[in-house]
């Protein structure tokens, strides 16, 4: 877009990442305080989810930027970035599965089957 500042995508990325980290930190604190009282095992799963997702939120943009500098040309960049993109997607799925397992464990602790 003519006349637009290249700063806006960077600001948007920082704001988006910061909100993500703050929400994941809130989940971690919730898991280690409130949930822990009800379900210690559910708390561990939820905390693991929060930590994994927080690490991904912080590390992915850094790794993606590093890939952009290493890859030479558009084709190389697309090929090089696809594998880490898939890996991050799988890691995020694992994080959500941990969260769901923690919610399930918390909901079912103390109930006999």
N, C-alpha and C. Protein backbone atom coordinates (compact mmCIF):
# COMPACT_ATOMS: atom_id res chain seq x y z
N UNK A 1 0.85 -1.16 0.00
CA UNK A 1 0.00 0.00 0.00
C UNK A 1 0.90 1.23 0.00
N UNK A 2 0.77 2.13 -1.00
CA UNK A 2 1.62 3.31 -1.08
C UNK A 2 1.43 4.21 0.14
N UNK A 3 2.54 4.69 0.66
CA UNK A 3 2.49 5.61 1.78
C UNK A 3 2.30 4.96 3.14
N UNK A 4 2.14 3.63 3.16
CA UNK A 4 1.95 2.98 4.46
C UNK A 4 3.32 2.73 5.09
N UNK A 5 3.33 2.70 6.37
CA UNK A 5 4.57 2.51 7.11
C UNK A 5 4.85 1.03 7.31
N UNK A 6 6.10 0.59 7.11
CA UNK A 6 6.45 -0.81 7.38
C UNK A 6 6.46 -1.12 8.87
N UNK A 7 6.29 -0.10 9.69
CA UNK A 7 6.30 -0.27 11.14
C UNK A 7 5.03 -0.96 11.64
N UNK A 8 3.89 -0.75 10.96
CA UNK A 8 2.61 -1.29 11.44
C UNK A 8 2.58 -2.81 11.55
N UNK A 9 3.10 -3.54 10.58
CA UNK A 9 3.10 -5.01 10.76
C UNK A 9 3.91 -5.44 11.98
N UNK A 10 5.01 -4.75 12.25
CA UNK A 10 5.83 -5.07 13.42
C UNK A 10 5.07 -4.77 14.70
N UNK A 11 4.43 -3.62 14.75
CA UNK A 11 3.64 -3.24 15.94
C UNK A 11 2.51 -4.25 16.14
N UNK A 12 1.83 -4.61 15.05
CA UNK A 12 0.75 -5.57 15.13
C UNK A 12 1.22 -6.92 15.64
N UNK A 13 2.38 -7.33 15.18
CA UNK A 13 2.94 -8.61 15.62
C UNK A 13 3.31 -8.57 17.10
N UNK A 14 3.88 -7.47 17.54
CA UNK A 14 4.26 -7.33 18.95
C UNK A 14 3.02 -7.33 19.84
N UNK A 15 1.99 -6.58 19.44
CA UNK A 15 0.75 -6.52 20.23
C UNK A 15 0.10 -7.91 20.28
N UNK A 16 0.00 -8.54 19.13
CA UNK A 16 -0.61 -9.87 19.05
C UNK A 16 0.16 -10.88 19.91
N UNK A 17 1.47 -10.90 19.78
CA UNK A 17 2.29 -11.82 20.58
C UNK A 17 2.19 -11.54 22.07
N UNK A 18 2.16 -10.26 22.42
CA UNK A 18 2.07 -9.88 23.83
C UNK A 18 0.75 -10.32 24.45
N UNK A 19 -0.33 -10.14 23.70
CA UNK A 19 -1.64 -10.57 24.20
C UNK A 19 -1.64 -12.09 24.38
N UNK A 20 -1.08 -12.81 23.41
CA UNK A 20 -1.00 -14.27 23.51
C UNK A 20 -0.22 -14.72 24.73
N UNK A 21 0.93 -14.11 24.96
CA UNK A 21 1.76 -14.49 26.11
C UNK A 21 1.04 -14.16 27.41
N UNK A 22 0.38 -13.01 27.48
CA UNK A 22 -0.34 -12.64 28.70
C UNK A 22 -1.49 -13.61 28.99
N UNK A 23 -2.21 -14.02 27.96
CA UNK A 23 -3.30 -14.98 28.17
C UNK A 23 -2.75 -16.35 28.60
N UNK A 24 -1.64 -16.76 28.02
CA UNK A 24 -1.04 -18.03 28.41
C UNK A 24 -0.46 -17.97 29.82
N UNK A 25 0.07 -16.82 30.19
CA UNK A 25 0.54 -16.62 31.56
C UNK A 25 -0.63 -16.68 32.53
N UNK A 26 -1.76 -16.09 32.14
CA UNK A 26 -2.97 -16.16 32.98
C UNK A 26 -3.43 -17.61 33.15
N UNK A 27 -3.39 -18.39 32.07
CA UNK A 27 -3.75 -19.81 32.17
C UNK A 27 -2.79 -20.55 33.10
N UNK A 28 -1.51 -20.25 32.99
CA UNK A 28 -0.52 -20.89 33.86
C UNK A 28 -0.79 -20.57 35.33
N UNK A 29 -1.03 -19.30 35.62
CA UNK A 29 -1.31 -18.91 37.01
C UNK A 29 -2.60 -19.54 37.51
N UNK A 30 -3.61 -19.58 36.68
CA UNK A 30 -4.88 -20.21 37.04
C UNK A 30 -4.68 -21.70 37.32
N UNK A 31 -3.92 -22.35 36.46
CA UNK A 31 -3.67 -23.79 36.62
C UNK A 31 -2.91 -24.08 37.91
N UNK A 32 -1.94 -23.22 38.23
CA UNK A 32 -1.10 -23.47 39.40
C UNK A 32 -1.72 -23.01 40.72
N UNK A 33 -2.83 -22.29 40.65
CA UNK A 33 -3.47 -21.83 41.89
C UNK A 33 -4.86 -22.46 42.05
N UNK A 34 -5.82 -21.98 41.32
CA UNK A 34 -7.21 -22.41 41.49
C UNK A 34 -7.41 -23.87 41.11
N UNK A 35 -6.95 -24.26 39.93
CA UNK A 35 -7.17 -25.63 39.47
C UNK A 35 -6.41 -26.63 40.33
N UNK A 36 -5.24 -26.24 40.78
CA UNK A 36 -4.41 -27.15 41.60
C UNK A 36 -5.13 -27.60 42.87
N UNK A 37 -5.94 -26.71 43.43
CA UNK A 37 -6.69 -27.06 44.64
C UNK A 37 -7.74 -28.13 44.35
N UNK A 38 -8.33 -28.09 43.17
CA UNK A 38 -9.38 -29.04 42.80
C UNK A 38 -8.82 -30.34 42.22
N UNK A 39 -7.78 -30.20 41.40
CA UNK A 39 -7.25 -31.35 40.68
C UNK A 39 -5.77 -31.16 40.40
N UNK A 40 -4.91 -31.67 41.28
CA UNK A 40 -3.47 -31.52 41.05
C UNK A 40 -3.01 -32.08 39.70
N UNK A 41 -3.55 -33.23 39.30
CA UNK A 41 -3.13 -33.82 38.02
C UNK A 41 -3.65 -33.00 36.84
N UNK A 42 -4.85 -32.48 36.94
CA UNK A 42 -5.37 -31.61 35.89
C UNK A 42 -4.58 -30.32 35.80
N UNK A 43 -4.14 -29.84 36.94
CA UNK A 43 -3.34 -28.62 37.00
C UNK A 43 -2.02 -28.78 36.25
N UNK A 44 -1.38 -29.92 36.42
CA UNK A 44 -0.10 -30.18 35.75
C UNK A 44 -0.28 -30.17 34.23
N UNK A 45 -1.35 -30.81 33.75
CA UNK A 45 -1.61 -30.85 32.31
C UNK A 45 -1.88 -29.45 31.76
N UNK A 46 -2.67 -28.67 32.49
CA UNK A 46 -2.98 -27.31 32.04
C UNK A 46 -1.74 -26.42 32.08
N UNK A 47 -0.92 -26.56 33.11
CA UNK A 47 0.31 -25.78 33.21
C UNK A 47 1.27 -26.14 32.08
N UNK A 48 1.38 -27.43 31.76
CA UNK A 48 2.24 -27.86 30.66
C UNK A 48 1.76 -27.26 29.34
N UNK A 49 0.45 -27.22 29.15
CA UNK A 49 -0.12 -26.62 27.96
C UNK A 49 0.25 -25.14 27.87
N UNK A 50 0.08 -24.43 28.97
CA UNK A 50 0.38 -22.99 28.98
C UNK A 50 1.85 -22.72 28.69
N UNK A 51 2.73 -23.50 29.29
CA UNK A 51 4.17 -23.31 29.07
C UNK A 51 4.54 -23.60 27.62
N UNK A 52 4.04 -24.70 27.08
CA UNK A 52 4.32 -25.04 25.69
C UNK A 52 3.83 -23.96 24.74
N UNK A 53 2.61 -23.51 24.93
CA UNK A 53 2.04 -22.49 24.05
C UNK A 53 2.78 -21.15 24.20
N UNK A 54 3.20 -20.83 25.42
CA UNK A 54 3.95 -19.60 25.64
C UNK A 54 5.29 -19.65 24.92
N UNK A 55 5.98 -20.78 25.03
CA UNK A 55 7.26 -20.94 24.34
C UNK A 55 7.09 -20.83 22.83
N UNK A 56 6.05 -21.44 22.30
CA UNK A 56 5.80 -21.35 20.86
C UNK A 56 5.49 -19.92 20.43
N UNK A 57 4.72 -19.21 21.23
CA UNK A 57 4.36 -17.83 20.90
C UNK A 57 5.60 -16.95 20.86
N UNK A 58 6.54 -17.21 21.74
CA UNK A 58 7.77 -16.41 21.79
C UNK A 58 8.77 -16.86 20.74
N UNK A 59 8.97 -18.17 20.60
CA UNK A 59 10.04 -18.69 19.75
C UNK A 59 9.70 -18.65 18.26
N UNK A 60 8.44 -18.86 17.89
CA UNK A 60 8.10 -18.98 16.47
C UNK A 60 8.44 -17.73 15.67
N UNK A 61 8.05 -16.53 16.11
CA UNK A 61 8.41 -15.34 15.31
C UNK A 61 9.92 -15.15 15.18
N UNK A 62 10.64 -15.50 16.23
CA UNK A 62 12.10 -15.37 16.19
C UNK A 62 12.68 -16.35 15.17
N UNK A 63 12.22 -17.59 15.21
CA UNK A 63 12.71 -18.60 14.27
C UNK A 63 12.31 -18.24 12.84
N UNK A 64 11.10 -17.74 12.66
CA UNK A 64 10.62 -17.38 11.33
C UNK A 64 11.47 -16.25 10.75
N UNK A 65 11.82 -15.26 11.57
CA UNK A 65 12.67 -14.16 11.14
C UNK A 65 14.06 -14.66 10.77
N UNK A 66 14.58 -15.57 11.58
CA UNK A 66 15.90 -16.13 11.29
C UNK A 66 15.87 -16.90 9.98
N UNK A 67 14.79 -17.64 9.72
CA UNK A 67 14.66 -18.38 8.46
C UNK A 67 14.65 -17.44 7.26
N UNK A 68 14.00 -16.30 7.42
CA UNK A 68 13.93 -15.33 6.32
C UNK A 68 15.33 -14.83 5.96
N UNK A 69 16.19 -14.73 6.92
CA UNK A 69 17.55 -14.25 6.66
C UNK A 69 18.44 -15.35 6.08
N UNK A 70 18.16 -16.59 6.45
CA UNK A 70 18.97 -17.71 5.98
C UNK A 70 18.57 -18.13 4.57
N UNK A 71 17.28 -18.18 4.31
CA UNK A 71 16.79 -18.65 3.00
C UNK A 71 17.14 -17.63 1.92
N UNK A 72 17.56 -18.14 0.79
CA UNK A 72 17.91 -17.28 -0.34
C UNK A 72 16.83 -17.40 -1.41
N UNK A 73 16.12 -16.32 -1.66
CA UNK A 73 15.09 -16.33 -2.69
C UNK A 73 13.74 -16.77 -2.16
N UNK A 74 12.70 -16.47 -2.93
CA UNK A 74 11.32 -16.75 -2.51
C UNK A 74 11.06 -18.25 -2.43
N UNK A 75 11.48 -19.01 -3.45
CA UNK A 75 11.23 -20.46 -3.45
C UNK A 75 11.92 -21.13 -2.27
N UNK A 76 13.14 -20.75 -2.01
CA UNK A 76 13.88 -21.32 -0.89
C UNK A 76 13.21 -20.99 0.43
N UNK A 77 12.72 -19.76 0.55
CA UNK A 77 12.06 -19.34 1.79
C UNK A 77 10.78 -20.13 2.03
N UNK A 78 9.99 -20.31 0.99
CA UNK A 78 8.74 -21.05 1.12
C UNK A 78 9.03 -22.50 1.51
N UNK A 79 10.00 -23.11 0.85
CA UNK A 79 10.36 -24.50 1.16
C UNK A 79 10.94 -24.62 2.57
N UNK A 80 11.79 -23.68 2.92
CA UNK A 80 12.45 -23.71 4.23
C UNK A 80 11.46 -23.46 5.36
N UNK A 81 10.49 -22.58 5.14
CA UNK A 81 9.56 -22.22 6.22
C UNK A 81 8.42 -23.22 6.37
N UNK A 82 8.20 -24.09 5.40
CA UNK A 82 7.07 -25.01 5.51
C UNK A 82 7.28 -26.07 6.59
N UNK A 83 8.48 -26.57 6.73
CA UNK A 83 8.74 -27.61 7.73
C UNK A 83 8.58 -27.08 9.15
N UNK A 84 9.20 -25.94 9.50
CA UNK A 84 8.96 -25.40 10.84
C UNK A 84 7.49 -25.02 11.07
N UNK A 85 6.81 -24.57 10.01
CA UNK A 85 5.39 -24.23 10.14
C UNK A 85 4.56 -25.44 10.51
N UNK A 86 4.87 -26.57 9.88
CA UNK A 86 4.17 -27.81 10.20
C UNK A 86 4.51 -28.25 11.62
N UNK A 87 5.78 -28.15 11.99
CA UNK A 87 6.21 -28.54 13.34
C UNK A 87 5.50 -27.71 14.40
N UNK A 88 5.39 -26.41 14.16
CA UNK A 88 4.72 -25.53 15.13
C UNK A 88 3.24 -25.86 15.20
N UNK A 89 2.63 -26.15 14.07
CA UNK A 89 1.21 -26.53 14.08
C UNK A 89 0.99 -27.79 14.90
N UNK A 90 1.86 -28.77 14.73
CA UNK A 90 1.75 -30.01 15.51
C UNK A 90 1.98 -29.75 17.00
N UNK A 91 2.95 -28.88 17.31
CA UNK A 91 3.23 -28.55 18.71
C UNK A 91 2.05 -27.80 19.34
N UNK A 92 1.43 -26.90 18.58
CA UNK A 92 0.24 -26.19 19.08
C UNK A 92 -0.91 -27.16 19.32
N UNK A 93 -1.06 -28.11 18.41
CA UNK A 93 -2.11 -29.13 18.59
C UNK A 93 -1.85 -29.91 19.87
N UNK A 94 -0.58 -30.25 20.13
CA UNK A 94 -0.23 -30.95 21.36
C UNK A 94 -0.55 -30.09 22.58
N UNK A 95 -0.29 -28.79 22.49
CA UNK A 95 -0.62 -27.88 23.59
C UNK A 95 -2.11 -27.84 23.87
N UNK A 96 -2.91 -27.79 22.81
CA UNK A 96 -4.36 -27.79 23.01
C UNK A 96 -4.85 -29.13 23.54
N UNK A 97 -4.25 -30.22 23.10
CA UNK A 97 -4.63 -31.53 23.64
C UNK A 97 -4.30 -31.63 25.13
N UNK A 98 -3.16 -31.07 25.53
CA UNK A 98 -2.82 -31.03 26.96
C UNK A 98 -3.85 -30.22 27.74
N UNK A 99 -4.27 -29.10 27.17
CA UNK A 99 -5.28 -28.27 27.83
C UNK A 99 -6.60 -29.02 27.95
N UNK A 100 -7.03 -29.65 26.88
CA UNK A 100 -8.27 -30.43 26.92
C UNK A 100 -8.18 -31.58 27.91
N UNK A 101 -7.03 -32.26 27.95
CA UNK A 101 -6.85 -33.35 28.91
C UNK A 101 -6.90 -32.81 30.34
N UNK A 102 -6.32 -31.64 30.56
CA UNK A 102 -6.36 -31.02 31.89
C UNK A 102 -7.77 -30.65 32.30
N UNK A 103 -8.53 -30.10 31.36
CA UNK A 103 -9.93 -29.76 31.65
C UNK A 103 -10.72 -31.02 31.96
N UNK A 104 -10.54 -32.05 31.15
CA UNK A 104 -11.24 -33.32 31.38
C UNK A 104 -10.86 -33.91 32.74
N UNK A 105 -9.56 -33.93 33.04
CA UNK A 105 -9.09 -34.50 34.30
C UNK A 105 -9.66 -33.70 35.48
N UNK A 106 -9.70 -32.40 35.36
CA UNK A 106 -10.25 -31.57 36.43
C UNK A 106 -11.75 -31.83 36.61
N UNK A 107 -12.44 -31.97 35.51
CA UNK A 107 -13.90 -32.20 35.56
C UNK A 107 -14.24 -33.57 36.12
N UNK A 108 -13.37 -34.56 35.91
CA UNK A 108 -13.69 -35.92 36.34
C UNK A 108 -13.03 -36.33 37.65
N UNK A 109 -12.09 -35.56 38.15
CA UNK A 109 -11.47 -35.90 39.44
C UNK A 109 -12.52 -35.87 40.54
N UNK A 110 -12.50 -36.89 41.34
CA UNK A 110 -13.43 -36.97 42.45
C UNK A 110 -14.75 -37.62 42.09
N UNK A 111 -14.95 -37.93 40.83
CA UNK A 111 -16.19 -38.61 40.39
C UNK A 111 -15.87 -40.07 40.12
N UNK A 112 -16.67 -40.91 40.64
CA UNK A 112 -16.45 -42.35 40.38
C UNK A 112 -17.11 -42.72 39.06
N UNK A 113 -16.47 -43.62 38.33
CA UNK A 113 -17.00 -44.04 37.04
C UNK A 113 -18.01 -45.14 37.19
